[in-house]
Structures are given as C-alpha cells and as structure tokens.
C-alpha cells in the first residue's frame, strides 16, 4: 500500500547530513521511521516531536534507539514543510543550550535565505 504524504521533509545545509553519517544502521532505521511518521500522519504524537520552550518556531524531533536518545532540530514552514537543521546524541537530562542556539541560528539563516530568494 502506498503512503500518502501530508508533509514534506527537507534538509537545510549539510548539518543534518553530517549528523546522519554518525549513526549506526539501527539508529538510522529508527530515524527514518520517525521521519516517515512525520510525513504521513496528520497529528504527530508528542512522543516524537516537541516545541522548544522560549524558542519560537523551533522544534525537536525525538528518537530513541537501543538505550540512546537523539534529537533533530527542525521548524515547520508554510504548513506542510518540515525543515531539518542539526542533530545530536543526547547524553544529559536537559538539551544543551549550545545545541538549541545552533539550531535557532540555522533557522534564522534559513528564513533569511528564503527571504532573499523571494526578493
């Protein structure tokens, strides 16, 4: 049966691709399962995506594989577009501010590039 997509997932720059190269086969499989879920379900379960408090428009995709936890930062654009920025393996209880700041800077850069392209 063919899946119907309600969202498109795209990658901004190379940061996500670099992160993806660090993952083992099982983790990659789990990552793609979560991305497929995001593309195909109307309402994404909170288990898999969460807004970053205090960072308007920034979200984290949540992935658990074996006993490891990973996060991929993203934003939603034009309703049905998910833009992936950077990812990392989470090793502490709180998401490191450095990672959030990096993702927020990438999001701002994405919107600036988009604005310049549309002028």
PDB file of N, CA and C in Angstrom:
ATOM      1  N   UNK A   1       0.837  -1.182   0.000  1.00  0.00           N
ATOM      2  CA  UNK A   1       0.000   0.000   0.000  1.00  0.00           C
ATOM      3  C   UNK A   1       0.882   1.245   0.000  1.00  0.00           C
ATOM      4  N   UNK A   2       0.541   2.205  -0.845  1.00  0.00           N
ATOM      5  CA  UNK A   2       1.302   3.438  -0.962  1.00  0.00           C
ATOM      6  C   UNK A   2       0.925   4.409   0.133  1.00  0.00           C
ATOM      7  N   UNK A   3       1.927   5.054   0.700  1.00  0.00           N
ATOM      8  CA  UNK A   3       1.673   6.050   1.741  1.00  0.00           C
ATOM      9  C   UNK A   3       1.323   7.385   1.108  1.00  0.00           C
ATOM     10  N   UNK A   4       0.383   8.091   1.731  1.00  0.00           N
ATOM     11  CA  UNK A   4       0.049   9.431   1.297  1.00  0.00           C
ATOM     12  C   UNK A   4       0.762  10.406   2.225  1.00  0.00           C
ATOM     13  N   UNK A   5       1.445  11.361   1.643  1.00  0.00           N
ATOM     14  CA  UNK A   5       2.203  12.304   2.451  1.00  0.00           C
ATOM     15  C   UNK A   5       1.396  13.566   2.727  1.00  0.00           C
ATOM     16  N   UNK A   6       1.406  13.992   3.984  1.00  0.00           N
ATOM     17  CA  UNK A   6       0.742  15.236   4.374  1.00  0.00           C
ATOM     18  C   UNK A   6       1.775  16.342   4.585  1.00  0.00           C
ATOM     19  N   UNK A   7       3.044  15.953   4.676  1.00  0.00           N
ATOM     20  CA  UNK A   7       4.136  16.899   4.866  1.00  0.00           C
ATOM     21  C   UNK A   7       5.324  16.468   4.032  1.00  0.00           C
ATOM     22  N   UNK A   8       6.153  17.442   3.698  1.00  0.00           N
ATOM     23  CA  UNK A   8       7.420  17.171   3.027  1.00  0.00           C
ATOM     24  C   UNK A   8       8.539  17.498   4.009  1.00  0.00           C
ATOM     25  N   UNK A   9       9.556  16.665   4.049  1.00  0.00           N
ATOM     26  CA  UNK A   9      10.703  16.906   4.914  1.00  0.00           C
ATOM     27  C   UNK A   9      11.890  17.255   4.026  1.00  0.00           C
ATOM     28  N   UNK A  10      12.530  18.391   4.329  1.00  0.00           N
ATOM     29  CA  UNK A  10      13.706  18.819   3.575  1.00  0.00           C
ATOM     30  C   UNK A  10      14.840  19.120   4.558  1.00  0.00           C
ATOM     31  N   UNK A  11      16.050  19.174   4.038  1.00  0.00           N
ATOM     32  CA  UNK A  11      17.239  19.425   4.852  1.00  0.00           C
ATOM     33  C   UNK A  11      17.806  20.785   4.464  1.00  0.00           C
ATOM     34  N   UNK A  12      18.127  21.605   5.465  1.00  0.00           N
ATOM     35  CA  UNK A  12      18.769  22.891   5.222  1.00  0.00           C
ATOM     36  C   UNK A  12      20.269  22.742   5.470  1.00  0.00           C
ATOM     37  N   UNK A  13      21.055  23.103   4.476  1.00  0.00           N
ATOM     38  CA  UNK A  13      22.510  22.990   4.511  1.00  0.00           C
ATOM     39  C   UNK A  13      22.924  21.545   4.779  1.00  0.00           C
ATOM     40  N   UNK A  14      24.120  21.340   5.315  1.00  0.00           N
ATOM     41  CA  UNK A  14      24.680  19.988   5.438  1.00  0.00           C
ATOM     42  C   UNK A  14      24.704  19.455   6.871  1.00  0.00           C
ATOM     43  N   UNK A  15      24.243  20.227   7.844  1.00  0.00           N
ATOM     44  CA  UNK A  15      24.390  19.845   9.253  1.00  0.00           C
ATOM     45  C   UNK A  15      23.680  18.530   9.591  1.00  0.00           C
ATOM     46  N   UNK A  16      22.456  18.361   9.110  1.00  0.00           N
ATOM     47  CA  UNK A  16      21.723  17.124   9.371  1.00  0.00           C
ATOM     48  C   UNK A  16      22.420  15.941   8.693  1.00  0.00           C
ATOM     49  N   UNK A  17      22.892  16.146   7.481  1.00  0.00           N
ATOM     50  CA  UNK A  17      23.558  15.065   6.749  1.00  0.00           C
ATOM     51  C   UNK A  17      24.827  14.621   7.475  1.00  0.00           C
ATOM     52  N   UNK A  18      25.552  15.569   8.031  1.00  0.00           N
ATOM     53  CA  UNK A  18      26.762  15.231   8.801  1.00  0.00           C
ATOM     54  C   UNK A  18      26.394  14.416  10.048  1.00  0.00           C
ATOM     55  N   UNK A  19      25.334  14.826  10.728  1.00  0.00           N
ATOM     56  CA  UNK A  19      24.849  14.088  11.897  1.00  0.00           C
ATOM     57  C   UNK A  19      24.450  12.666  11.504  1.00  0.00           C
ATOM     58  N   UNK A  20      23.727  12.543  10.418  1.00  0.00           N
ATOM     59  CA  UNK A  20      23.242  11.242   9.943  1.00  0.00           C
ATOM     60  C   UNK A  20      24.392  10.269   9.683  1.00  0.00           C
ATOM     61  N   UNK A  21      25.512  10.775   9.222  1.00  0.00           N
ATOM     62  CA  UNK A  21      26.675   9.925   8.941  1.00  0.00           C
ATOM     63  C   UNK A  21      27.238   9.279  10.201  1.00  0.00           C
ATOM     64  N   UNK A  22      26.948   9.840  11.370  1.00  0.00           N
ATOM     65  CA  UNK A  22      27.489   9.315  12.625  1.00  0.00           C
ATOM     66  C   UNK A  22      26.635   8.184  13.199  1.00  0.00           C
ATOM     67  N   UNK A  23      25.482   7.933  12.608  1.00  0.00           N
ATOM     68  CA  UNK A  23      24.535   6.973  13.175  1.00  0.00           C
ATOM     69  C   UNK A  23      24.764   5.565  12.647  1.00  0.00           C
ATOM     70  N   UNK A  24      24.520   4.563  13.498  1.00  0.00           N
ATOM     71  CA  UNK A  24      24.608   3.175  13.067  1.00  0.00           C
ATOM     72  C   UNK A  24      23.323   2.787  12.324  1.00  0.00           C
ATOM     73  N   UNK A  25      23.340   1.617  11.741  1.00  0.00           N
ATOM     74  CA  UNK A  25      22.229   1.154  10.898  1.00  0.00           C
ATOM     75  C   UNK A  25      20.883   1.132  11.643  1.00  0.00           C
ATOM     76  N   UNK A  26      20.869   0.609  12.863  1.00  0.00           N
ATOM     77  CA  UNK A  26      19.621   0.522  13.635  1.00  0.00           C
ATOM     78  C   UNK A  26      19.063   1.909  13.966  1.00  0.00           C
ATOM     79  N   UNK A  27      19.949   2.825  14.330  1.00  0.00           N
ATOM     80  CA  UNK A  27      19.515   4.186  14.658  1.00  0.00           C
ATOM     81  C   UNK A  27      18.987   4.884  13.409  1.00  0.00           C
ATOM     82  N   UNK A  28      19.670   4.682  12.291  1.00  0.00           N
ATOM     83  CA  UNK A  28      19.190   5.254  11.027  1.00  0.00           C
ATOM     84  C   UNK A  28      17.793   4.738  10.685  1.00  0.00           C
ATOM     85  N   UNK A  29      17.583   3.456  10.883  1.00  0.00           N
ATOM     86  CA  UNK A  29      16.281   2.847  10.620  1.00  0.00           C
ATOM     87  C   UNK A  29      15.203   3.518  11.474  1.00  0.00           C
ATOM     88  N   UNK A  30      15.499   3.711  12.751  1.00  0.00           N
ATOM     89  CA  UNK A  30      14.560   4.364  13.664  1.00  0.00           C
ATOM     90  C   UNK A  30      14.316   5.822  13.248  1.00  0.00           C
ATOM     91  N   UNK A  31      15.389   6.520  12.870  1.00  0.00           N
ATOM     92  CA  UNK A  31      15.264   7.902  12.403  1.00  0.00           C
ATOM     93  C   UNK A  31      14.322   7.984  11.210  1.00  0.00           C
ATOM     94  N   UNK A  32      14.501   7.104  10.243  1.00  0.00           N
ATOM     95  CA  UNK A  32      13.646   7.125   9.054  1.00  0.00           C
ATOM     96  C   UNK A  32      12.205   6.736   9.368  1.00  0.00           C
ATOM     97  N   UNK A  33      12.006   5.860  10.339  1.00  0.00           N
ATOM     98  CA  UNK A  33      10.638   5.524  10.764  1.00  0.00           C
ATOM     99  C   UNK A  33       9.940   6.770  11.328  1.00  0.00           C
ATOM    100  N   UNK A  34      10.659   7.519  12.155  1.00  0.00           N
ATOM    101  CA  UNK A  34      10.077   8.727  12.751  1.00  0.00           C
ATOM    102  C   UNK A  34       9.824   9.784  11.671  1.00  0.00           C
ATOM    103  N   UNK A  35      10.765   9.976  10.751  1.00  0.00           N
ATOM    104  CA  UNK A  35      10.559  10.952   9.672  1.00  0.00           C
ATOM    105  C   UNK A  35       9.380  10.557   8.783  1.00  0.00           C
ATOM    106  N   UNK A  36       9.235   9.253   8.518  1.00  0.00           N
ATOM    107  CA  UNK A  36       8.095   8.781   7.725  1.00  0.00           C
ATOM    108  C   UNK A  36       6.787   9.059   8.458  1.00  0.00           C
ATOM    109  N   UNK A  37       6.775   8.831   9.767  1.00  0.00           N
ATOM    110  CA  UNK A  37       5.593   9.134  10.574  1.00  0.00           C
ATOM    111  C   UNK A  37       5.247  10.620  10.459  1.00  0.00           C
ATOM    112  N   UNK A  38       6.246  11.473  10.578  1.00  0.00           N
ATOM    113  CA  UNK A  38       6.029  12.927  10.482  1.00  0.00           C
ATOM    114  C   UNK A  38       5.448  13.299   9.116  1.00  0.00           C
ATOM    115  N   UNK A  39       5.887  12.609   8.080  1.00  0.00           N
ATOM    116  CA  UNK A  39       5.401  12.912   6.735  1.00  0.00           C
ATOM    117  C   UNK A  39       3.998  12.380   6.471  1.00  0.00           C
ATOM    118  N   UNK A  40       3.572  11.355   7.219  1.00  0.00           N
ATOM    119  CA  UNK A  40       2.338  10.671   6.837  1.00  0.00           C
ATOM    120  C   UNK A  40       1.150  10.851   7.777  1.00  0.00           C
ATOM    121  N   UNK A  41       1.369  11.254   9.029  1.00  0.00           N
ATOM    122  CA  UNK A  41       0.221  11.387   9.928  1.00  0.00           C
ATOM    123  C   UNK A  41      -0.172  12.853  10.077  1.00  0.00           C
ATOM    124  N   UNK A  42      -1.450  13.086  10.179  1.00  0.00           N
ATOM    125  CA  UNK A  42      -1.972  14.450  10.296  1.00  0.00           C
ATOM    126  C   UNK A  42      -1.519  15.099  11.602  1.00  0.00           C
ATOM    127  N   UNK A  43      -1.674  14.375  12.704  1.00  0.00           N
ATOM    128  CA  UNK A  43      -1.278  14.890  14.020  1.00  0.00           C
ATOM    129  C   UNK A  43      -0.114  14.039  14.521  1.00  0.00           C
ATOM    130  N   UNK A  44       1.043  14.663  14.681  1.00  0.00           N
ATOM    131  CA  UNK A  44       2.245  13.952  15.108  1.00  0.00           C
ATOM    132  C   UNK A  44       2.184  13.746  16.624  1.00  0.00           C
ATOM    133  N   UNK A  45       2.322  12.513  17.099  1.00  0.00           N
ATOM    134  CA  UNK A  45       2.307  12.280  18.546  1.00  0.00           C
ATOM    135  C   UNK A  45       3.428  13.049  19.257  1.00  0.00           C
ATOM    136  N   UNK A  46       3.115  13.586  20.429  1.00  0.00           N
ATOM    137  CA  UNK A  46       4.069  14.377  21.210  1.00  0.00           C
ATOM    138  C   UNK A  46       5.324  13.585  21.558  1.00  0.00           C
ATOM    139  N   UNK A  47       5.221  12.272  21.565  1.00  0.00           N
ATOM    140  CA  UNK A  47       6.385  11.426  21.846  1.00  0.00           C
ATOM    141  C   UNK A  47       7.508  11.664  20.833  1.00  0.00           C
ATOM    142  N   UNK A  48       7.143  12.081  19.626  1.00  0.00           N
ATOM    143  CA  UNK A  48       8.111  12.197  18.544  1.00  0.00           C
ATOM    144  C   UNK A  48       8.527  13.623  18.202  1.00  0.00           C
ATOM    145  N   UNK A  49       7.767  14.616  18.648  1.00  0.00           N
ATOM    146  CA  UNK A  49       8.136  15.998  18.327  1.00  0.00           C
ATOM    147  C   UNK A  49       7.686  16.911  19.456  1.00  0.00           C
ATOM    148  N   UNK A  50       8.502  17.914  19.732  1.00  0.00           N
ATOM    149  CA  UNK A  50       8.196  18.810  20.843  1.00  0.00           C
ATOM    150  C   UNK A  50       8.697  20.209  20.511  1.00  0.00           C
ATOM    151  N   UNK A  51       7.892  21.214  20.841  1.00  0.00           N
ATOM    152  CA  UNK A  51       8.318  22.603  20.667  1.00  0.00           C
ATOM    153  C   UNK A  51       9.384  22.921  21.708  1.00  0.00           C
ATOM    154  N   UNK A  52      10.363  23.702  21.329  1.00  0.00           N
ATOM    155  CA  UNK A  52      11.398  24.138  22.263  1.00  0.00           C
ATOM    156  C   UNK A  52      10.887  25.390  22.966  1.00  0.00           C
ATOM    157  N   UNK A  53      10.745  25.297  24.262  1.00  0.00           N
ATOM    158  CA  UNK A  53      10.220  26.428  25.043  1.00  0.00           C
ATOM    159  C   UNK A  53      11.141  27.637  24.929  1.00  0.00           C
ATOM    160  N   UNK A  54      10.520  28.778  24.708  1.00  0.00           N
ATOM    161  CA  UNK A  54      11.276  30.018  24.631  1.00  0.00           C
ATOM    162  C   UNK A  54      11.962  30.242  23.290  1.00  0.00           C
ATOM    163  N   UNK A  55      11.759  29.352  22.337  1.00  0.00           N
ATOM    164  CA  UNK A  55      12.388  29.478  21.006  1.00  0.00           C
ATOM    165  C   UNK A  55      11.294  29.357  19.954  1.00  0.00           C
ATOM    166  N   UNK A  56      10.681  30.447  19.643  1.00  0.00           N
ATOM    167  CA  UNK A  56       9.509  30.473  18.756  1.00  0.00           C
ATOM    168  C   UNK A  56       9.792  29.790  17.405  1.00  0.00           C
ATOM    169  N   UNK A  57       8.973  28.808  17.104  1.00  0.00           N
ATOM    170  CA  UNK A  57       9.045  28.130  15.813  1.00  0.00           C
ATOM    171  C   UNK A  57      10.035  26.983  15.735  1.00  0.00           C
ATOM    172  N   UNK A  58      10.809  26.755  16.794  1.00  0.00           N
ATOM    173  CA  UNK A  58      11.816  25.697  16.776  1.00  0.00           C
ATOM    174  C   UNK A  58      11.281  24.453  17.487  1.00  0.00           C
ATOM    175  N   UNK A  59      11.500  23.295  16.869  1.00  0.00           N
ATOM    176  CA  UNK A  59      11.027  22.018  17.407  1.00  0.00           C
ATOM    177  C   UNK A  59      12.180  21.030  17.456  1.00  0.00           C
ATOM    178  N   UNK A  60      11.999  19.979  18.286  1.00  0.00           N
ATOM    179  CA  UNK A  60      12.960  18.882  18.278  1.00  0.00           C
ATOM    180  C   UNK A  60      12.218  17.594  17.960  1.00  0.00           C
ATOM    181  N   UNK A  61      12.789  16.842  17.031  1.00  0.00           N
ATOM    182  CA  UNK A  61      12.297  15.508  16.713  1.00  0.00           C
ATOM    183  C   UNK A  61      13.015  14.573  17.669  1.00  0.00           C
ATOM    184  N   UNK A  62      12.246  13.695  18.301  1.00  0.00           N
ATOM    185  CA  UNK A  62      12.783  12.836  19.359  1.00  0.00           C
ATOM    186  C   UNK A  62      12.900  11.400  18.868  1.00  0.00           C
ATOM    187  N   UNK A  63      14.114  10.855  19.005  1.00  0.00           N
ATOM    188  CA  UNK A  63      14.374   9.500  18.542  1.00  0.00           C
ATOM    189  C   UNK A  63      15.056   8.725  19.665  1.00  0.00           C
ATOM    190  N   UNK A  64      14.548   7.527  19.920  1.00  0.00           N
ATOM    191  CA  UNK A  64      15.187   6.628  20.874  1.00  0.00           C
ATOM    192  C   UNK A  64      15.546   5.353  20.126  1.00  0.00           C
ATOM    193  N   UNK A  65      16.804   4.963  20.249  1.00  0.00           N
ATOM    194  CA  UNK A  65      17.263   3.737  19.608  1.00  0.00           C
ATOM    195  C   UNK A  65      18.160   3.021  20.593  1.00  0.00           C
ATOM    196  N   UNK A  66      17.840   1.769  20.858  1.00  0.00           N
ATOM    197  CA  UNK A  66      18.526   0.992  21.900  1.00  0.00           C
ATOM    198  C   UNK A  66      18.419   1.794  23.194  1.00  0.00           C
ATOM    199  N   UNK A  67      19.529   2.118  23.825  1.00  0.00           N
ATOM    200  CA  UNK A  67      19.445   2.907  25.060  1.00  0.00           C
ATOM    201  C   UNK A  67      19.907   4.345  24.816  1.00  0.00           C
ATOM    202  N   UNK A  68      19.967   4.741  23.553  1.00  0.00           N
ATOM    203  CA  UNK A  68      20.428   6.082  23.197  1.00  0.00           C
ATOM    204  C   UNK A  68      19.264   6.991  22.817  1.00  0.00           C
ATOM    205  N   UNK A  69      19.465   8.272  23.077  1.00  0.00           N
ATOM    206  CA  UNK A  69      18.460   9.278  22.755  1.00  0.00           C
ATOM    207  C   UNK A  69      19.091  10.287  21.803  1.00  0.00           C
ATOM    208  N   UNK A  70      18.352  10.627  20.748  1.00  0.00           N
ATOM    209  CA  UNK A  70      18.838  11.573  19.750  1.00  0.00           C
ATOM    210  C   UNK A  70      17.789  12.667  19.563  1.00  0.00           C
ATOM    211  N   UNK A  71      18.262  13.835  19.145  1.00  0.00           N
ATOM    212  CA  UNK A  71      17.383  14.947  18.848  1.00  0.00           C
ATOM    213  C   UNK A  71      17.792  15.542  17.509  1.00  0.00           C
ATOM    214  N   UNK A  72      16.776  15.892  16.716  1.00  0.00           N
ATOM    215  CA  UNK A  72      16.990  16.592  15.456  1.00  0.00           C
ATOM    216  C   UNK A  72      16.133  17.846  15.510  1.00  0.00           C
ATOM    217  N   UNK A  73      16.753  18.996  15.318  1.00  0.00           N
ATOM    218  CA  UNK A  73      16.008  20.252  15.361  1.00  0.00           C
ATOM    219  C   UNK A  73      15.405  20.556  14.002  1.00  0.00           C
ATOM    220  N   UNK A  74      14.223  21.185  14.042  1.00  0.00           N
ATOM    221  CA  UNK A  74      13.522  21.489  12.812  1.00  0.00           C
ATOM    222  C   UNK A  74      12.553  22.650  13.030  1.00  0.00           C
ATOM    223  N   UNK A  75      11.969  23.098  11.926  1.00  0.00           N
ATOM    224  CA  UNK A  75      10.864  24.056  12.002  1.00  0.00           C
ATOM    225  C   UNK A  75       9.841  23.650  10.950  1.00  0.00           C
ATOM    226  N   UNK A  76       8.652  24.191  11.092  1.00  0.00           N
ATOM    227  CA  UNK A  76       7.604  23.987  10.101  1.00  0.00           C
ATOM    228  C   UNK A  76       7.526  25.261   9.274  1.00  0.00           C
ATOM    229  N   UNK A  77       7.403  25.114   7.970  1.00  0.00           N
ATOM    230  CA  UNK A  77       7.304  26.268   7.091  1.00  0.00           C
ATOM    231  C   UNK A  77       6.151  26.043   6.129  1.00  0.00           C
ATOM    232  N   UNK A  78       5.360  27.059   5.938  1.00  0.00           N
ATOM    233  CA  UNK A  78       4.226  27.011   5.008  1.00  0.00           C
ATOM    234  C   UNK A  78       3.305  25.819   5.280  1.00  0.00           C
ATOM    235  N   UNK A  79       3.182  25.454   6.538  1.00  0.00           N
ATOM    236  CA  UNK A  79       2.213  24.437   6.939  1.00  0.00           C
ATOM    237  C   UNK A  79       2.609  22.999   6.704  1.00  0.00           C
ATOM    238  N   UNK A  80       3.071  22.669   5.509  1.00  0.00           N
ATOM    239  CA  UNK A  80       3.312  21.252   5.201  1.00  0.00           C
ATOM    240  C   UNK A  80       4.774  20.947   4.870  1.00  0.00           C
ATOM    241  N   UNK A  81       5.665  21.844   5.270  1.00  0.00           N
ATOM    242  CA  UNK A  81       7.084  21.640   5.015  1.00  0.00           C
ATOM    243  C   UNK A  81       7.820  21.578   6.352  1.00  0.00           C
ATOM    244  N   UNK A  82       8.597  20.517   6.553  1.00  0.00           N
ATOM    245  CA  UNK A  82       9.409  20.381   7.764  1.00  0.00           C
ATOM    246  C   UNK A  82      10.864  20.542   7.321  1.00  0.00           C
ATOM    247  N   UNK A  83      11.555  21.511   7.920  1.00  0.00           N
ATOM    248  CA  UNK A  83      12.932  21.805   7.562  1.00  0.00           C
ATOM    249  C   UNK A  83      13.846  21.299   8.676  1.00  0.00           C
ATOM    250  N   UNK A  84      14.725  20.357   8.333  1.00  0.00           N
ATOM    251  CA  UNK A  84      15.656  19.779   9.311  1.00  0.00           C
ATOM    252  C   UNK A  84      16.934  20.607   9.363  1.00  0.00           C
ATOM    253  N   UNK A  85      17.422  20.851  10.593  1.00  0.00           N
ATOM    254  CA  UNK A  85      18.634  21.642  10.762  1.00  0.00           C
ATOM    255  C   UNK A  85      19.801  20.782  11.228  1.00  0.00           C
ATOM    256  N   UNK A  86      19.934  20.560  12.515  1.00  0.00           N
ATOM    257  CA  UNK A  86      21.056  19.797  13.053  1.00  0.00           C
ATOM    258  C   UNK A  86      20.541  18.740  14.019  1.00  0.00           C
ATOM    259  N   UNK A  87      21.379  17.773  14.310  1.00  0.00           N
ATOM    260  CA  UNK A  87      21.005  16.717  15.240  1.00  0.00           C
ATOM    261  C   UNK A  87      22.177  16.370  16.133  1.00  0.00           C
ATOM    262  N   UNK A  88      21.885  15.671  17.214  1.00  0.00           N
ATOM    263  CA  UNK A  88      22.937  15.258  18.140  1.00  0.00           C
ATOM    264  C   UNK A  88      22.431  14.121  19.015  1.00  0.00           C
ATOM    265  N   UNK A  89      23.373  13.421  19.641  1.00  0.00           N
ATOM    266  CA  UNK A  89      23.027  12.388  20.615  1.00  0.00           C
ATOM    267  C   UNK A  89      22.918  13.068  21.967  1.00  0.00           C
ATOM    268  N   UNK A  90      21.795  12.861  22.617  1.00  0.00           N
ATOM    269  CA  UNK A  90      21.544  13.487  23.914  1.00  0.00           C
ATOM    270  C   UNK A  90      22.155  12.631  25.010  1.00  0.00           C
ATOM    271  N   UNK A  91      23.013  13.247  25.821  1.00  0.00           N
ATOM    272  CA  UNK A  91      23.705  12.496  26.873  1.00  0.00           C
ATOM    273  C   UNK A  91      23.387  13.030  28.264  1.00  0.00           C
ATOM    274  N   UNK A  92      22.624  14.119  28.332  1.00  0.00           N
ATOM    275  CA  UNK A  92      22.249  14.699  29.620  1.00  0.00           C
ATOM    276  C   UNK A  92      20.735  14.846  29.682  1.00  0.00           C
ATOM    277  N   UNK A  93      20.216  15.107  30.871  1.00  0.00           N
ATOM    278  CA  UNK A  93      18.774  15.238  31.054  1.00  0.00           C
ATOM    279  C   UNK A  93      18.218  16.417  30.238  1.00  0.00           C
ATOM    280  N   UNK A  94      18.900  17.549  30.322  1.00  0.00           N
ATOM    281  CA  UNK A  94      18.462  18.746  29.604  1.00  0.00           C
ATOM    282  C   UNK A  94      19.151  18.828  28.252  1.00  0.00           C
ATOM    283  N   UNK A  95      18.419  19.335  27.267  1.00  0.00           N
ATOM    284  CA  UNK A  95      19.023  19.572  25.965  1.00  0.00           C
ATOM    285  C   UNK A  95      20.016  20.728  26.111  1.00  0.00           C
ATOM    286  N   UNK A  96      21.270  20.533  25.685  1.00  0.00           N
ATOM    287  CA  UNK A  96      22.274  21.589  25.847  1.00  0.00           C
ATOM    288  C   UNK A  96      21.888  22.879  25.118  1.00  0.00           C
ATOM    289  N   UNK A  97      22.020  23.994  25.824  1.00  0.00           N
ATOM    290  CA  UNK A  97      21.688  25.306  25.262  1.00  0.00           C
ATOM    291  C   UNK A  97      22.488  25.579  23.990  1.00  0.00           C
ATOM    292  N   UNK A  98      23.739  25.121  23.967  1.00  0.00           N
ATOM    293  CA  UNK A  98      24.601  25.308  22.790  1.00  0.00           C
ATOM    294  C   UNK A  98      23.962  24.699  21.539  1.00  0.00           C
ATOM    295  N   UNK A  99      23.376  23.516  21.675  1.00  0.00           N
ATOM    296  CA  UNK A  99      22.722  22.849  20.544  1.00  0.00           C
ATOM    297  C   UNK A  99      21.467  23.617  20.110  1.00  0.00           C
ATOM    298  N   UNK A 100      20.700  24.097  21.082  1.00  0.00           N
ATOM    299  CA  UNK A 100      19.482  24.860  20.773  1.00  0.00           C
ATOM    300  C   UNK A 100      19.848  26.170  20.087  1.00  0.00           C
ATOM    301  N   UNK A 101      20.875  26.855  20.602  1.00  0.00           N
ATOM    302  CA  UNK A 101      21.322  28.119  19.995  1.00  0.00           C
ATOM    303  C   UNK A 101      21.760  27.902  18.553  1.00  0.00           C
ATOM    304  N   UNK A 102      22.473  26.824  18.329  1.00  0.00           N
ATOM    305  CA  UNK A 102      22.929  26.497  16.968  1.00  0.00           C
ATOM    306  C   UNK A 102      21.738  26.286  16.039  1.00  0.00           C
ATOM    307  N   UNK A 103      20.762  25.524  16.505  1.00  0.00           N
ATOM    308  CA  UNK A 103      19.567  25.253  15.700  1.00  0.00           C
ATOM    309  C   UNK A 103      18.795  26.541  15.433  1.00  0.00           C
ATOM    310  N   UNK A 104      18.685  27.392  16.434  1.00  0.00           N
ATOM    311  CA  UNK A 104      17.965  28.653  16.255  1.00  0.00           C
ATOM    312  C   UNK A 104      18.678  29.543  15.238  1.00  0.00           C
ATOM    313  N   UNK A 105      19.998  29.575  15.290  1.00  0.00           N
ATOM    314  CA  UNK A 105      20.768  30.347  14.313  1.00  0.00           C
ATOM    315  C   UNK A 105      20.556  29.796  12.901  1.00  0.00           C
ATOM    316  N   UNK A 106      20.518  28.476  12.765  1.00  0.00           N
ATOM    317  CA  UNK A 106      20.266  27.858  11.456  1.00  0.00           C
ATOM    318  C   UNK A 106      18.858  28.185  10.961  1.00  0.00           C
ATOM    319  N   UNK A 107      17.888  28.184  11.876  1.00  0.00           N
ATOM    320  CA  UNK A 107      16.516  28.523  11.489  1.00  0.00           C
ATOM    321  C   UNK A 107      16.454  29.967  10.987  1.00  0.00           C
ATOM    322  N   UNK A 108      17.103  30.879  11.693  1.00  0.00           N
ATOM    323  CA  UNK A 108      17.115  32.283  11.265  1.00  0.00           C
ATOM    324  C   UNK A 108      17.794  32.426   9.911  1.00  0.00           C
ATOM    325  N   UNK A 109      18.880  31.700   9.715  1.00  0.00           N
ATOM    326  CA  UNK A 109      19.588  31.719   8.430  1.00  0.00           C
ATOM    327  C   UNK A 109      18.692  31.173   7.314  1.00  0.00           C
ATOM    328  N   UNK A 110      17.960  30.107   7.605  1.00  0.00           N
ATOM    329  CA  UNK A 110      17.036  29.523   6.621  1.00  0.00           C
ATOM    330  C   UNK A 110      16.014  30.563   6.162  1.00  0.00           C
ATOM    331  N   UNK A 111      15.373  31.236   7.130  1.00  0.00           N
ATOM    332  CA  UNK A 111      14.357  32.228   6.776  1.00  0.00           C
ATOM    333  C   UNK A 111      14.964  33.428   6.060  1.00  0.00           C
ATOM    334  N   UNK A 112      16.187  33.803   6.405  1.00  0.00           N
ATOM    335  CA  UNK A 112      16.873  34.902   5.714  1.00  0.00           C
ATOM    336  C   UNK A 112      17.172  34.502   4.270  1.00  0.00           C
ATOM    337  N   UNK A 113      17.685  33.289   4.046  1.00  0.00           N
ATOM    338  CA  UNK A 113      17.936  32.792   2.697  1.00  0.00           C
ATOM    339  C   UNK A 113      16.655  32.743   1.875  1.00  0.00           C
ATOM    340  N   UNK A 114      15.593  32.289   2.503  1.00  0.00           N
ATOM    341  CA  UNK A 114      14.297  32.200   1.823  1.00  0.00           C
ATOM    342  C   UNK A 114      13.798  33.590   1.451  1.00  0.00           C
ATOM    343  N   UNK A 115      13.941  34.544   2.372  1.00  0.00           N
ATOM    344  CA  UNK A 115      13.502  35.928   2.121  1.00  0.00           C
ATOM    345  C   UNK A 115      14.297  36.531   0.949  1.00  0.00           C
ATOM    346  N   UNK A 116      15.611  36.334   0.960  1.00  0.00           N
ATOM    347  CA  UNK A 116      16.465  36.865  -0.121  1.00  0.00           C
ATOM    348  C   UNK A 116      16.114  36.221  -1.454  1.00  0.00           C
ATOM    349  N   UNK A 117      15.817  34.945  -1.433  1.00  0.00           N
ATOM    350  CA  UNK A 117      15.455  34.220  -2.659  1.00  0.00           C
ATOM    351  C   UNK A 117      14.148  34.750  -3.252  1.00  0.00           C
ATOM    352  N   UNK A 118      13.225  35.144  -2.388  1.00  0.00           N
ATOM    353  CA  UNK A 118      11.906  35.608  -2.828  1.00  0.00           C
ATOM    354  C   UNK A 118      11.883  37.077  -3.255  1.00  0.00           C
ATOM    355  N   UNK A 119      12.980  37.783  -3.031  1.00  0.00           N
ATOM    356  CA  UNK A 119      13.009  39.217  -3.418  1.00  0.00           C
ATOM    357  C   UNK A 119      13.286  39.402  -4.884  1.00  0.00           C
TER     358      UNK A 119
END
